[in-house]
């Protein structure tokens, strides 16, 4: 649909009006109302320069997200929206633009070439547009699900937000091609869980773990900083933590994590890039997560009956802070002292919270062939392990942090009982390895002895020429879900990998099929053998089949890294006879008030800007 044509008089003066008229109060018959009472609990800067800022809130009753977009330098307009992986192609967009005289607001979409099209179903609804001291403020809303094939389905997953700035007035929306714009992306979780905030104990103290006046690198960098707990620091409970971001660096500090090192680990290094002298010691020995924050996340509160224990006898006094700086514009001479503030109490709560590691063992026997678009690997926490390690009253999972390395695209953990999938613990179908945070669950998930936990990761190796094996290195892969639960048990790691003997059979089979091209000699490493595999349809299909039927090696480990007593090698692959069905999007049946909006863009008359 085209933007309504201007009159002859307007056409004669088209483009004669300065772009500045776009920054005025826009007057239109707007449907809906702006949410009241603390309407914007969530906020994220969209671009590193602070030109665009997004605020939002969520109504689960109305299944609607309200947005406020602040544009400090609007020029001739702005595109904002969502896409599968952060591209401006095949994106669901809202566009505000001017033709030089009039301003327009419209729901739009982009095709695979980046061409913008007006959507015939206008699901973004403008509520308010006005000039503020900081620029142009746009308030609008959109339902979670619209059942429009051109619209993004807003779920609990990571959402890749995209934007683009228009510099020149346009005769129509279709004149825009995203490939020629100044664009960018930001990742957030839009649908934050609606959970209550517990009150903090009266004796709560705080500890700030921060980098020290770091010169922000002119690229994307993981910065590590070591710190020590005070001498004689006794056992305490962490009950809440929150980010500390240096003012002005909100768009540069992408995410942060605090890790506790293993008992007995000593460190003399203090601060520097994580991939320099600090590897592999600190990355290998300082992996116990105490806190994790990412852009858009609010302070993290533990349930009022539980806290995360740290300090005291038998634990390391060393902590590692890791800060991910994202500086695509290579901004120079920016100093940063960001970090995380821990809120803790000496009055320990009823339960110690624990962190249980689910998924795949870090081993090269689990591998992804090159040039795959969606290869799935699955790790198990078997019923045998939970039967042995969990108390009869079970454990209660309240939060989860999903983790892969660079090729991870989806992660899900499912709880199964008696051979039937019962509930999803956590899932992210738009997972990004560049956006990892501990997420509160909407509802606690209780796990009892004999339950099965299945963690599956989907990978894309389209740009790789060799197999990607499992391991600790960034170019290797992981499939992990760190679940936060209470009460704490001895079980700290419940993961699996394919039986190595069956993998050797796979290499022998591929070798015979491909005329002895793969070295299967005893001295050849698993990584080396995978590197020699000719990746044809046979070797790919056979590897996928191997992972789907071969026995597994189970790691049912205590915090001491010692397995629980029992037989854990060549365990049968768990059987699941009933799967959960994918929930279908809730589509309105026929015309409804929320779908009865305009079929074209909102034509906005300009007042008070020309004189």
Protein backbone atom coordinates (compact mmCIF):
# COMPACT_ATOMS: atom_id res chain seq x y z
CA UNK A 1 0.00 0.00 0.00
CA UNK A 2 1.31 3.45 -0.89
CA UNK A 3 1.34 6.47 1.38
CA UNK A 4 -1.63 8.75 0.51
CA UNK A 5 -0.69 11.15 -2.28
CA UNK A 6 -0.26 14.80 -1.29
CA UNK A 7 -2.38 17.51 -2.82
CA UNK A 8 -1.07 19.58 -5.74
CA UNK A 9 -0.14 22.42 -3.41
CA UNK A 10 1.68 20.05 -1.08
CA UNK A 11 3.44 18.39 -3.98
CA UNK A 12 4.75 21.76 -5.17
CA UNK A 13 6.40 22.35 -1.85
CA UNK A 14 7.55 18.76 -1.29
CA UNK A 15 11.07 18.55 0.14
CA UNK A 16 11.00 22.32 0.57
CA UNK A 17 10.36 22.01 4.24
CA UNK A 18 13.44 21.45 6.31
CA UNK A 19 13.90 18.05 7.93
CA UNK A 20 13.74 19.86 11.27
CA UNK A 21 9.95 20.00 11.06
CA UNK A 22 10.01 16.32 11.86
CA UNK A 23 10.96 17.21 15.43
CA UNK A 24 7.63 18.68 16.49
CA UNK A 25 4.66 17.52 18.45
CA UNK A 26 2.74 15.15 16.18
CA UNK A 27 -1.01 15.56 16.38
CA UNK A 28 -3.23 12.67 15.27
CA UNK A 29 -6.28 10.72 16.31
CA UNK A 30 -4.29 8.08 18.19
CA UNK A 31 -5.94 4.94 19.49
CA UNK A 32 -5.17 3.50 22.90
CA UNK A 33 -3.52 5.15 25.87
CA UNK A 34 -0.05 5.43 27.31
CA UNK A 35 0.46 3.04 30.26
CA UNK A 36 0.45 4.73 33.63
CA UNK A 37 2.19 4.20 36.98
CA UNK A 38 5.86 3.57 36.46
CA UNK A 39 5.36 2.57 32.85
CA UNK A 40 8.94 1.82 31.83
CA UNK A 41 10.63 -0.75 34.09
CA UNK A 42 13.04 -1.90 31.35
CA UNK A 43 15.53 0.13 29.36
CA UNK A 44 18.36 -0.49 26.91
CA UNK A 45 20.48 1.80 24.70
CA UNK A 46 20.21 0.67 21.09
CA UNK A 47 23.35 2.19 19.59
CA UNK A 48 26.83 2.83 21.03
CA UNK A 49 26.55 6.61 20.57
CA UNK A 50 23.32 6.90 22.54
CA UNK A 51 21.28 8.22 19.60
CA UNK A 52 18.50 5.69 20.22
CA UNK A 53 17.15 4.44 23.53
CA UNK A 54 14.37 1.93 24.12
CA UNK A 55 12.12 1.64 27.15
CA UNK A 56 9.39 -0.98 27.48
CA UNK A 57 6.92 -2.75 29.72
CA UNK A 58 4.96 -5.98 29.41
CA UNK A 59 1.27 -6.73 30.01
CA UNK A 60 0.73 -10.47 30.26
CA UNK A 61 -2.99 -9.89 30.78
CA UNK A 62 -3.30 -8.05 27.45
CA UNK A 63 -0.42 -10.04 25.89
CA UNK A 64 1.01 -6.74 24.70
CA UNK A 65 4.35 -4.93 24.85
CA UNK A 66 4.39 -1.13 25.19
CA UNK A 67 7.47 0.62 23.78
CA UNK A 68 8.94 4.08 24.14
CA UNK A 69 11.59 4.89 21.56
CA UNK A 70 13.72 8.01 22.14
CA UNK A 71 15.42 9.33 19.01
CA UNK A 72 17.92 12.09 19.79
CA UNK A 73 18.71 12.94 16.16
CA UNK A 74 15.70 11.77 14.16
CA UNK A 75 16.71 13.24 10.80
CA UNK A 76 14.02 12.19 8.33
CA UNK A 77 12.85 9.19 10.33
CA UNK A 78 13.71 5.88 11.95
CA UNK A 79 13.13 2.14 11.48
CA UNK A 80 12.82 -0.09 14.52
CA UNK A 81 11.87 -3.72 14.83
CA UNK A 82 12.81 -7.35 15.28
CA UNK A 83 14.33 -10.11 13.15
CA UNK A 84 15.42 -13.70 13.59
CA UNK A 85 19.18 -13.11 13.99
CA UNK A 86 19.54 -9.31 13.92
CA UNK A 87 19.47 -8.61 10.18
CA UNK A 88 17.45 -5.77 8.65
CA UNK A 89 16.45 -8.18 5.90
CA UNK A 90 13.31 -10.24 6.59
CA UNK A 91 12.56 -8.00 9.56
CA UNK A 92 9.32 -6.97 11.26
CA UNK A 93 9.45 -3.17 11.47
CA UNK A 94 7.75 -0.02 12.61
CA UNK A 95 8.75 3.00 10.51
CA UNK A 96 8.36 6.70 11.16
CA UNK A 97 9.25 8.90 8.19
CA UNK A 98 8.57 12.24 6.54
CA UNK A 99 8.06 13.24 2.93
CA UNK A 100 9.17 16.80 3.70
CA UNK A 101 5.75 18.09 4.69
CA UNK A 102 3.92 15.32 6.51
CA UNK A 103 4.98 12.63 8.93
CA UNK A 104 3.81 9.02 8.86
CA UNK A 105 3.82 6.06 11.24
CA UNK A 106 3.43 2.57 9.84
CA UNK A 107 3.81 -1.16 10.43
CA UNK A 108 6.17 -2.52 7.77
CA UNK A 109 8.39 -5.46 6.85
CA UNK A 110 11.52 -5.97 4.80
CA UNK A 111 12.12 -8.67 2.24
CA UNK A 112 15.27 -10.73 1.76
CA UNK A 113 16.84 -7.91 -0.28
CA UNK A 114 16.20 -5.30 2.41
CA UNK A 115 13.37 -3.59 0.53
CA UNK A 116 10.76 -2.08 2.87
CA UNK A 117 7.06 -2.79 2.35
CA UNK A 118 4.01 -1.44 4.16
CA UNK A 119 2.19 -4.22 6.00
CA UNK A 120 -1.46 -4.71 5.06
CA UNK A 121 -2.12 -5.64 8.70
CA UNK A 122 -1.13 -2.70 10.93
CA UNK A 123 -0.35 -4.27 14.32
CA UNK A 124 1.99 -1.62 15.71
CA UNK A 125 -0.27 1.03 17.21
CA UNK A 126 0.99 4.56 17.79
CA UNK A 127 -0.08 5.97 21.16
CA UNK A 128 1.95 9.16 21.49
CA UNK A 129 4.54 11.12 19.56
CA UNK A 130 6.02 14.29 20.94
CA UNK A 131 9.08 16.44 21.06
CA UNK A 132 11.13 16.25 24.26
CA UNK A 133 14.29 18.08 25.34
CA UNK A 134 16.21 14.96 24.34
CA UNK A 135 14.67 14.53 20.88
CA UNK A 136 11.66 12.68 19.50
CA UNK A 137 9.66 10.38 21.80
CA UNK A 138 7.50 7.68 20.24
CA UNK A 139 5.17 5.52 22.31
CA UNK A 140 3.54 2.53 20.63
CA UNK A 141 2.40 -1.01 21.37
CA UNK A 142 2.18 -4.42 19.73
CA UNK A 143 0.63 -7.76 20.72
CA UNK A 144 2.92 -10.71 21.43
CA UNK A 145 1.33 -12.66 18.58
CA UNK A 146 -0.42 -11.19 15.54
CA UNK A 147 -0.51 -14.26 13.25
CA UNK A 148 0.63 -11.99 10.47
CA UNK A 149 3.23 -13.92 8.40
CA UNK A 150 5.34 -10.76 8.16
CA UNK A 151 5.35 -10.18 11.95
CA UNK A 152 7.79 -11.49 14.53
CA UNK A 153 6.33 -13.74 17.24
CA UNK A 154 7.39 -12.21 20.56
CA UNK A 155 8.21 -15.02 23.01
CA UNK A 156 10.33 -15.54 26.14
CA UNK A 157 13.45 -15.92 23.99
CA UNK A 158 16.25 -13.51 23.22
CA UNK A 159 14.96 -10.85 20.82
CA UNK A 160 17.28 -9.29 18.22
CA UNK A 161 16.22 -5.65 17.96
CA UNK A 162 17.20 -3.82 14.76
CA UNK A 163 17.18 -0.17 13.81
CA UNK A 164 18.00 2.16 10.95
CA UNK A 165 18.14 5.94 10.59
CA UNK A 166 16.68 7.84 7.61
CA UNK A 167 18.62 10.91 6.49
CA UNK A 168 16.48 12.21 3.59
CA UNK A 169 12.72 12.76 3.15
CA UNK A 170 11.02 10.08 1.07
CA UNK A 171 8.02 10.14 -1.27
CA UNK A 172 6.91 6.72 -0.04
CA UNK A 173 7.85 3.94 2.33
CA UNK A 174 8.74 1.69 -0.60
CA UNK A 175 11.59 4.06 -1.48
CA UNK A 176 13.53 2.76 1.53
CA UNK A 177 16.12 0.01 1.18
CA UNK A 178 17.68 -1.11 4.45
CA UNK A 179 21.00 -1.92 2.81
CA UNK A 180 21.76 1.78 2.37
CA UNK A 181 20.98 2.92 5.90
CA UNK A 182 23.00 3.42 9.07
CA UNK A 183 21.82 0.37 10.98
CA UNK A 184 22.55 -1.71 14.05
CA UNK A 185 21.19 -4.31 16.45
CA UNK A 186 20.75 -4.91 20.14
CA UNK A 187 19.76 -8.09 21.99
CA UNK A 188 17.32 -8.20 24.90
CA UNK A 189 14.77 -10.43 26.52
CA UNK A 190 11.56 -8.45 26.02
CA UNK A 191 9.19 -10.72 27.96
CA UNK A 192 10.63 -10.53 31.44
CA UNK A 193 8.99 -12.87 33.97
CA UNK A 194 6.44 -11.21 36.20
CA UNK A 195 7.79 -12.37 39.55
CA UNK A 196 7.58 -10.56 42.88
CA UNK A 197 10.62 -8.86 44.39
CA UNK A 198 11.50 -10.19 47.88
CA UNK A 199 12.47 -7.73 50.59
CA UNK A 200 16.16 -7.65 51.49
CA UNK A 201 17.22 -8.60 55.04
CA UNK A 202 17.92 -5.74 57.45
CA UNK A 203 21.55 -6.81 57.85
CA UNK A 204 22.31 -6.81 54.11
CA UNK A 205 25.79 -5.64 53.17
CA UNK A 206 27.19 -4.89 49.72
CA UNK A 207 30.40 -5.70 47.89
CA UNK A 208 31.36 -4.09 44.59
CA UNK A 209 33.41 -6.14 42.14
CA UNK A 210 34.57 -3.76 39.40
CA UNK A 211 37.23 -3.30 36.77
CA UNK A 212 39.59 -0.44 37.55
CA UNK A 213 39.58 2.47 35.11
CA UNK A 214 39.96 0.24 32.06
CA UNK A 215 40.61 1.88 28.70
CA UNK A 216 37.76 0.38 26.68
CA UNK A 217 39.28 -1.56 23.75
CA UNK A 218 38.41 -0.42 20.24
CA UNK A 219 36.75 -3.72 19.35
CA UNK A 220 34.74 -6.51 20.97
CA UNK A 221 36.73 -7.74 23.99
CA UNK A 222 36.25 -9.94 27.05
CA UNK A 223 38.08 -8.26 29.95
CA UNK A 224 38.99 -10.25 33.07
CA UNK A 225 39.67 -8.80 36.50
CA UNK A 226 40.69 -10.78 39.58
CA UNK A 227 39.78 -9.77 43.10
CA UNK A 228 39.99 -11.31 46.56
CA UNK A 229 37.47 -11.64 49.33
CA UNK A 230 38.53 -9.92 52.58
CA UNK A 231 40.75 -11.95 54.88
CA UNK A 232 38.71 -14.15 57.20
CA UNK A 233 35.49 -13.60 55.19
CA UNK A 234 33.00 -16.06 56.68
CA UNK A 235 30.16 -17.93 55.01
CA UNK A 236 27.46 -15.57 53.72
CA UNK A 237 24.41 -15.72 51.47
CA UNK A 238 24.12 -13.62 48.32
CA UNK A 239 20.48 -12.50 48.20
CA UNK A 240 20.61 -10.04 45.31
CA UNK A 241 23.01 -8.54 42.78
CA UNK A 242 22.80 -5.66 40.34
CA UNK A 243 24.95 -4.06 37.65
CA UNK A 244 27.20 -1.02 38.10
CA UNK A 245 27.73 0.58 34.70
CA UNK A 246 29.95 3.64 34.32
CA UNK A 247 27.82 6.58 33.18
CA UNK A 248 28.16 7.11 29.44
CA UNK A 249 29.24 3.51 28.80
CA UNK A 250 25.75 1.98 28.89
CA UNK A 251 25.94 0.94 25.24
CA UNK A 252 29.52 -0.37 25.47
CA UNK A 253 29.17 -2.73 28.44
CA UNK A 254 27.34 -5.67 26.89
CA UNK A 255 27.31 -8.23 29.69
CA UNK A 256 29.21 -9.14 32.88
CA UNK A 257 29.75 -12.25 35.00
CA UNK A 258 31.36 -12.97 38.38
CA UNK A 259 32.96 -16.39 38.93
CA UNK A 260 34.36 -17.99 42.07
CA UNK A 261 37.58 -19.97 41.65
CA UNK A 262 38.13 -23.49 42.87
CA UNK A 263 39.53 -24.05 46.35
CA UNK A 264 43.32 -23.90 46.40
CA UNK A 265 43.61 -21.79 43.26
CA UNK A 266 46.08 -18.91 43.58
CA UNK A 267 46.32 -15.94 41.22
CA UNK A 268 48.78 -13.08 40.85
CA UNK A 269 47.25 -11.65 37.67
CA UNK A 270 44.91 -8.74 38.22
CA UNK A 271 43.41 -7.34 35.04
CA UNK A 272 43.60 -7.79 31.26
CA UNK A 273 41.94 -9.34 28.20
CA UNK A 274 40.62 -12.82 28.99
CA UNK A 275 42.30 -14.32 25.95
CA UNK A 276 45.80 -13.15 26.90
CA UNK A 277 48.02 -14.30 29.74
CA UNK A 278 45.00 -15.19 31.86
CA UNK A 279 44.24 -18.27 29.81
CA UNK A 280 43.93 -21.06 30.56
CA UNK A 281 44.33 -20.84 34.35
CA UNK A 282 41.60 -18.42 35.30
CA UNK A 283 39.14 -19.67 32.69
CA UNK A 284 39.66 -23.28 33.73
CA UNK A 285 39.76 -22.84 37.51
CA UNK A 286 37.33 -19.92 37.92
CA UNK A 287 34.08 -21.18 36.38
CA UNK A 288 31.62 -21.29 39.30
CA UNK A 289 29.07 -18.58 38.44
CA UNK A 290 28.06 -16.23 41.25
CA UNK A 291 26.37 -13.54 39.16
CA UNK A 292 25.59 -12.80 35.52
CA UNK A 293 24.06 -9.68 33.96
CA UNK A 294 23.31 -8.63 30.39
CA UNK A 295 21.90 -5.49 28.77
CA UNK A 296 18.27 -4.89 29.66
CA UNK A 297 18.35 -7.10 32.77
CA UNK A 298 17.15 -5.76 36.11
CA UNK A 299 18.63 -6.66 39.52
CA UNK A 300 18.53 -10.40 40.25
CA UNK A 301 16.80 -11.44 43.50
CA UNK A 302 17.01 -14.88 45.06
CA UNK A 303 13.79 -16.41 46.42
CA UNK A 304 13.22 -15.25 49.97
CA UNK A 305 13.80 -18.77 51.33
CA UNK A 306 17.20 -19.26 49.65
CA UNK A 307 20.56 -17.59 49.09
CA UNK A 308 23.78 -18.42 47.25
CA UNK A 309 26.55 -19.26 49.71
CA UNK A 310 30.04 -17.87 49.24
CA UNK A 311 33.07 -17.34 51.45
CA UNK A 312 34.04 -19.36 54.48
CA UNK A 313 36.26 -22.38 55.03
CA UNK A 314 36.79 -24.71 52.10
CA UNK A 315 36.08 -22.13 49.38
CA UNK A 316 38.42 -19.99 47.31
CA UNK A 317 38.95 -16.37 48.27
CA UNK A 318 39.51 -15.45 44.59
CA UNK A 319 36.76 -14.10 42.31
CA UNK A 320 36.97 -13.34 38.60
CA UNK A 321 34.95 -10.55 36.98
CA UNK A 322 34.47 -10.85 33.24
CA UNK A 323 33.20 -7.82 31.29
CA UNK A 324 32.20 -8.07 27.64
CA UNK A 325 32.84 -4.76 25.88
CA UNK A 326 31.09 -4.25 22.54
CA UNK A 327 32.60 -1.27 20.71
CA UNK A 328 31.78 -1.67 16.99
CA UNK A 329 32.26 2.06 16.30
CA UNK A 330 35.75 1.86 17.85
CA UNK A 331 35.11 4.76 20.21
CA UNK A 332 38.43 5.93 21.62
CA UNK A 333 39.68 7.19 24.98
CA UNK A 334 36.72 5.84 26.96
CA UNK A 335 37.48 4.75 30.52
CA UNK A 336 35.35 2.22 32.38
CA UNK A 337 34.95 1.00 35.95
CA UNK A 338 31.83 -1.13 35.57
CA UNK A 339 31.06 -4.26 37.54
CA UNK A 340 28.52 -6.01 39.73
CA UNK A 341 27.32 -5.15 43.22
CA UNK A 342 26.62 -8.18 45.43
CA UNK A 343 24.09 -7.84 48.25
CA UNK A 344 24.75 -10.43 50.93
CA UNK A 345 23.81 -11.30 54.48
CA UNK A 346 25.51 -13.09 57.35
CA UNK A 347 22.08 -14.34 58.48
CA UNK A 348 21.84 -17.35 56.23
CA UNK A 349 18.45 -18.24 54.83
CA UNK A 350 16.67 -21.57 55.22
CA UNK A 351 18.17 -23.09 52.08
CA UNK A 352 21.49 -22.86 50.34
CA UNK A 353 20.92 -22.32 46.64
CA UNK A 354 22.89 -24.54 44.30
CA UNK A 355 23.95 -24.47 40.66
CA UNK A 356 23.61 -27.69 38.68
CA UNK A 357 25.36 -28.02 35.32
CA UNK A 358 23.32 -29.86 32.68
CA UNK A 359 24.05 -30.74 29.06
CA UNK A 360 27.14 -32.16 27.36
CA UNK A 361 30.54 -33.02 28.81
CA UNK A 362 33.37 -30.85 27.44
CA UNK A 363 34.84 -33.47 25.15
CA UNK A 364 35.74 -33.70 21.46
CA UNK A 365 33.68 -36.88 21.01
CA UNK A 366 30.66 -34.58 20.56
CA UNK A 367 31.17 -32.74 17.26
CA UNK A 368 29.31 -30.73 14.63
CA UNK A 369 30.16 -31.27 10.95
CA UNK A 370 31.11 -28.16 8.95
CA UNK A 371 28.63 -26.25 6.76
CA UNK A 372 25.60 -27.28 8.80
CA UNK A 373 22.65 -24.93 9.28
CA UNK A 374 20.90 -26.64 12.21
CA UNK A 375 22.81 -29.59 13.69
CA UNK A 376 21.48 -30.79 17.06
CA UNK A 377 23.48 -32.28 19.94
CA UNK A 378 21.77 -33.56 23.09
CA UNK A 379 23.01 -34.16 26.63
CA UNK A 380 21.23 -36.07 29.37
CA UNK A 381 20.89 -35.96 33.13
CA UNK A 382 19.53 -39.48 33.48
CA UNK A 383 16.87 -40.87 35.78
CA UNK A 384 19.56 -43.11 37.29
CA UNK A 385 21.58 -40.08 38.37
CA UNK A 386 18.66 -38.09 39.80
CA UNK A 387 17.38 -41.20 41.59
CA UNK A 388 20.72 -41.55 43.34
CA UNK A 389 21.62 -37.89 43.94
CA UNK A 390 18.41 -35.96 44.67
CA UNK A 391 16.49 -35.92 47.96
CA UNK A 392 13.03 -37.47 48.10
CA UNK A 393 11.45 -34.02 48.39
CA UNK A 394 13.17 -32.97 45.17
CA UNK A 395 14.82 -29.71 44.18
CA UNK A 396 13.21 -26.53 42.86
CA UNK A 397 14.71 -24.72 39.86
CA UNK A 398 14.02 -20.98 39.88
CA UNK A 399 16.53 -19.63 37.32
CA UNK A 400 18.61 -20.78 34.38
CA UNK A 401 21.58 -19.65 32.29
CA UNK A 402 21.98 -21.22 28.84
CA UNK A 403 25.46 -21.40 27.36
CA UNK A 404 27.17 -22.34 24.11
CA UNK A 405 30.12 -20.95 22.20
CA UNK A 406 30.05 -19.18 18.83
CA UNK A 407 27.99 -21.56 16.68
CA UNK A 408 25.07 -22.05 19.11
CA UNK A 409 21.66 -20.92 17.79
CA UNK A 410 19.06 -22.65 19.99
CA UNK A 411 19.11 -24.22 23.47
CA UNK A 412 16.36 -26.03 25.35
CA UNK A 413 16.11 -28.14 28.52
CA UNK A 414 13.07 -30.38 28.99
CA UNK A 415 11.98 -32.32 32.09
CA UNK A 416 10.71 -35.85 31.44
CA UNK A 417 9.09 -38.24 33.91
CA UNK A 418 8.12 -41.88 33.30
CA UNK A 419 9.14 -41.60 29.66
CA UNK A 420 7.01 -38.54 28.99
CA UNK A 421 8.15 -34.97 28.52
CA UNK A 422 6.37 -32.91 31.16
CA UNK A 423 7.60 -29.32 31.00
CA UNK A 424 10.19 -27.01 29.47
CA UNK A 425 12.70 -25.80 32.05
CA UNK A 426 14.14 -23.10 29.78
CA UNK A 427 14.22 -22.55 26.04
CA UNK A 428 15.68 -19.95 23.70
CA UNK A 429 14.93 -20.43 20.00
CA UNK A 430 16.81 -17.21 19.17
CA UNK A 431 19.78 -17.84 21.42
CA UNK A 432 22.92 -15.78 20.87
CA UNK A 433 26.32 -16.65 22.40
CA UNK A 434 26.85 -12.88 22.65
CA UNK A 435 23.93 -12.44 25.04
CA UNK A 436 23.99 -14.64 28.13
CA UNK A 437 22.24 -13.89 31.38
CA UNK A 438 20.75 -15.75 34.31
CA UNK A 439 17.01 -15.67 33.72
CA UNK A 440 14.36 -16.12 36.36
CA UNK A 441 11.79 -18.73 35.39
CA UNK A 442 8.14 -17.70 35.21
CA UNK A 443 7.32 -20.72 37.35
CA UNK A 444 9.59 -22.89 39.47
CA UNK A 445 10.25 -26.37 38.10
CA UNK A 446 10.48 -29.18 40.65
CA UNK A 447 12.75 -32.14 39.85
CA UNK A 448 12.33 -35.41 41.76
CA UNK A 449 14.37 -38.60 42.01
CA UNK A 450 13.96 -40.60 38.81
CA UNK A 451 13.28 -37.56 36.62
CA UNK A 452 15.15 -37.07 33.36
CA UNK A 453 16.54 -33.70 32.16
CA UNK A 454 17.28 -33.39 28.44
CA UNK A 455 19.33 -30.45 27.12
CA UNK A 456 19.58 -29.95 23.35
CA UNK A 457 21.59 -27.36 21.45
CA UNK A 458 21.25 -26.43 17.79
CA UNK A 459 24.36 -25.20 15.94
CA UNK A 460 25.13 -23.43 12.68
CA UNK A 461 28.57 -24.09 11.18
CA UNK A 462 27.83 -22.72 7.71
CA UNK A 463 31.04 -20.69 7.65
CA UNK A 464 33.37 -23.47 8.89
CA UNK A 465 35.40 -25.93 6.81
CA UNK A 466 36.37 -28.36 9.58
CA UNK A 467 34.33 -30.15 12.22
CA UNK A 468 33.71 -28.20 15.44
CA UNK A 469 34.45 -30.43 18.44
CA UNK A 470 33.39 -30.03 22.03
CA UNK A 471 35.82 -28.40 24.46
CA UNK A 472 36.73 -25.36 26.51
CA UNK A 473 38.16 -23.25 23.67
CA UNK A 474 36.08 -20.48 22.13
CA UNK A 475 36.34 -22.10 18.68
CA UNK A 476 35.21 -25.39 20.21
CA UNK A 477 31.66 -25.91 21.41
CA UNK A 478 29.61 -26.39 24.54
CA UNK A 479 26.00 -27.22 25.33
CA UNK A 480 25.21 -26.23 28.91
CA UNK A 481 22.35 -25.12 31.10
CA UNK A 482 23.39 -23.84 34.52
CA UNK A 483 20.20 -24.25 36.55
CA UNK A 484 19.85 -22.41 39.86
CA UNK A 485 17.86 -24.31 42.45
CA UNK A 486 17.35 -25.08 46.12
CA UNK A 487 17.99 -26.89 48.42
CA UNK A 488 21.60 -27.46 47.44
CA UNK A 489 22.65 -31.09 47.04
CA UNK A 490 25.94 -32.86 46.45
CA UNK A 491 25.10 -33.12 42.75
CA UNK A 492 26.91 -30.37 40.83
CA UNK A 493 27.25 -31.78 37.31
CA UNK A 494 24.88 -34.11 35.45
CA UNK A 495 25.99 -34.42 31.81
CA UNK A 496 26.66 -36.98 29.14
CA UNK A 497 28.65 -37.71 25.98
CA UNK A 498 28.56 -40.48 23.39
CA UNK A 499 30.42 -43.65 24.36
CA UNK A 500 34.00 -43.34 22.97
CA UNK A 501 34.04 -46.97 21.82
CA UNK A 502 31.04 -46.41 19.55
CA UNK A 503 32.68 -43.28 18.15
CA UNK A 504 35.72 -45.40 17.20
CA UNK A 505 33.35 -47.71 15.32
CA UNK A 506 32.02 -44.67 13.48
CA UNK A 507 35.53 -43.65 12.39
CA UNK A 508 36.25 -47.23 11.18
CA UNK A 509 32.99 -47.27 9.22
CA UNK A 510 33.68 -43.89 7.59
CA UNK A 511 37.22 -45.05 6.84
CA UNK A 512 36.01 -48.16 5.02
CA UNK A 513 33.36 -46.23 3.10
CA UNK A 514 35.87 -43.58 2.00
CA UNK A 515 38.76 -45.83 0.98
CA UNK A 516 40.90 -45.55 4.12
CA UNK A 517 41.08 -41.73 4.14
CA UNK A 518 40.66 -41.41 7.91
CA UNK A 519 43.47 -42.35 10.25
CA UNK A 520 42.04 -44.68 12.88
CA UNK A 521 45.38 -45.57 14.46
CA UNK A 522 45.50 -45.50 18.30
CA UNK A 523 47.80 -42.45 18.42
CA UNK A 524 45.39 -40.28 16.42
CA UNK A 525 43.39 -37.85 18.57
CA UNK A 526 39.61 -37.58 18.26
CA UNK A 527 39.99 -34.00 17.04
CA UNK A 528 42.53 -35.12 14.45
CA UNK A 529 40.27 -37.90 13.21
CA UNK A 530 37.29 -35.55 12.87
CA UNK A 531 39.54 -33.17 10.89
CA UNK A 532 40.19 -35.95 8.35
CA UNK A 533 36.58 -36.99 7.85
CA UNK A 534 35.35 -36.25 4.29
CA UNK A 535 32.04 -34.60 5.03
CA UNK A 536 29.71 -36.17 2.50
CA UNK A 537 26.08 -37.14 3.08
CA UNK A 538 27.12 -40.58 4.38
CA UNK A 539 29.50 -39.34 7.08
CA UNK A 540 27.04 -36.62 8.15
CA UNK A 541 24.03 -38.94 8.37
CA UNK A 542 26.02 -41.65 10.16
CA UNK A 543 27.26 -39.19 12.81
CA UNK A 544 23.75 -37.92 13.39
CA UNK A 545 22.52 -41.51 13.67
CA UNK A 546 25.34 -42.41 16.06
CA UNK A 547 24.38 -39.62 18.45
CA UNK A 548 20.75 -40.75 18.24
CA UNK A 549 21.18 -44.42 19.26
CA UNK A 550 24.64 -45.13 20.74
CA UNK A 551 25.14 -45.65 24.50
CA UNK A 552 26.36 -42.71 26.54
CA UNK A 553 29.00 -42.04 29.16
CA UNK A 554 27.32 -40.34 32.15
CA UNK A 555 28.99 -37.83 34.42
CA UNK A 556 26.96 -37.80 37.63
CA UNK A 557 29.42 -35.73 39.64
CA UNK A 558 29.72 -34.28 43.12
CA UNK A 559 31.25 -30.84 43.70
CA UNK A 560 34.57 -32.63 44.27
CA UNK A 561 34.40 -33.72 40.59
CA UNK A 562 34.12 -37.34 41.78
CA UNK A 563 31.25 -39.35 40.32
CA UNK A 564 28.57 -40.81 42.55
CA UNK A 565 29.12 -44.51 43.13
CA UNK A 566 27.74 -46.67 40.34
CA UNK A 567 28.25 -47.80 36.76
CA UNK A 568 28.19 -44.83 34.40
CA UNK A 569 29.85 -46.05 31.21
CA UNK A 570 27.93 -47.46 28.22
CA UNK A 571 24.61 -46.43 29.65
CA UNK A 572 21.56 -46.87 27.40
CA UNK A 573 20.23 -43.75 25.74
CA UNK A 574 17.17 -42.60 27.74
CA UNK A 575 13.85 -43.43 26.08
CA UNK A 576 11.17 -40.78 25.72
CA UNK A 577 7.90 -42.10 24.30
CA UNK A 578 5.84 -38.90 24.49
CA UNK A 579 7.03 -35.46 23.41
CA UNK A 580 5.66 -32.04 24.25
CA UNK A 581 3.84 -30.40 21.38
CA UNK A 582 5.00 -27.03 20.14
CA UNK A 583 2.47 -24.43 21.34
CA UNK A 584 0.64 -22.78 18.48
CA UNK A 585 0.52 -18.96 18.42
CA UNK A 586 -2.76 -17.62 19.80
CA UNK A 587 -4.49 -15.95 16.87
CA UNK A 588 -7.59 -13.80 17.31
CA UNK A 589 -10.64 -15.48 15.76
CA UNK A 590 -11.96 -13.03 13.19
CA UNK A 591 -12.11 -9.24 13.67
CA UNK A 592 -11.28 -8.04 17.14
CA UNK A 593 -10.60 -4.63 18.72
CA UNK A 594 -6.86 -5.20 18.69
CA UNK A 595 -6.92 -6.01 14.93
CA UNK A 596 -9.34 -3.26 14.01
CA UNK A 597 -6.68 -0.59 13.62
CA UNK A 598 -5.78 1.27 10.44
CA UNK A 599 -5.05 -0.69 7.28
CA UNK A 600 -2.49 1.88 6.16
CA UNK A 601 0.01 4.16 7.87
CA UNK A 602 -1.13 6.74 10.37
CA UNK A 603 -1.00 10.04 8.47
CA UNK A 604 0.11 12.54 11.06
CA UNK A 605 -0.61 16.23 10.60
CA UNK A 606 2.15 18.57 11.74
CA UNK A 607 1.37 21.44 14.02
CA UNK A 608 3.55 24.28 15.28
CA UNK A 609 6.72 23.44 13.37
CA UNK A 610 6.66 25.58 10.21
CA UNK A 611 6.32 29.02 11.49
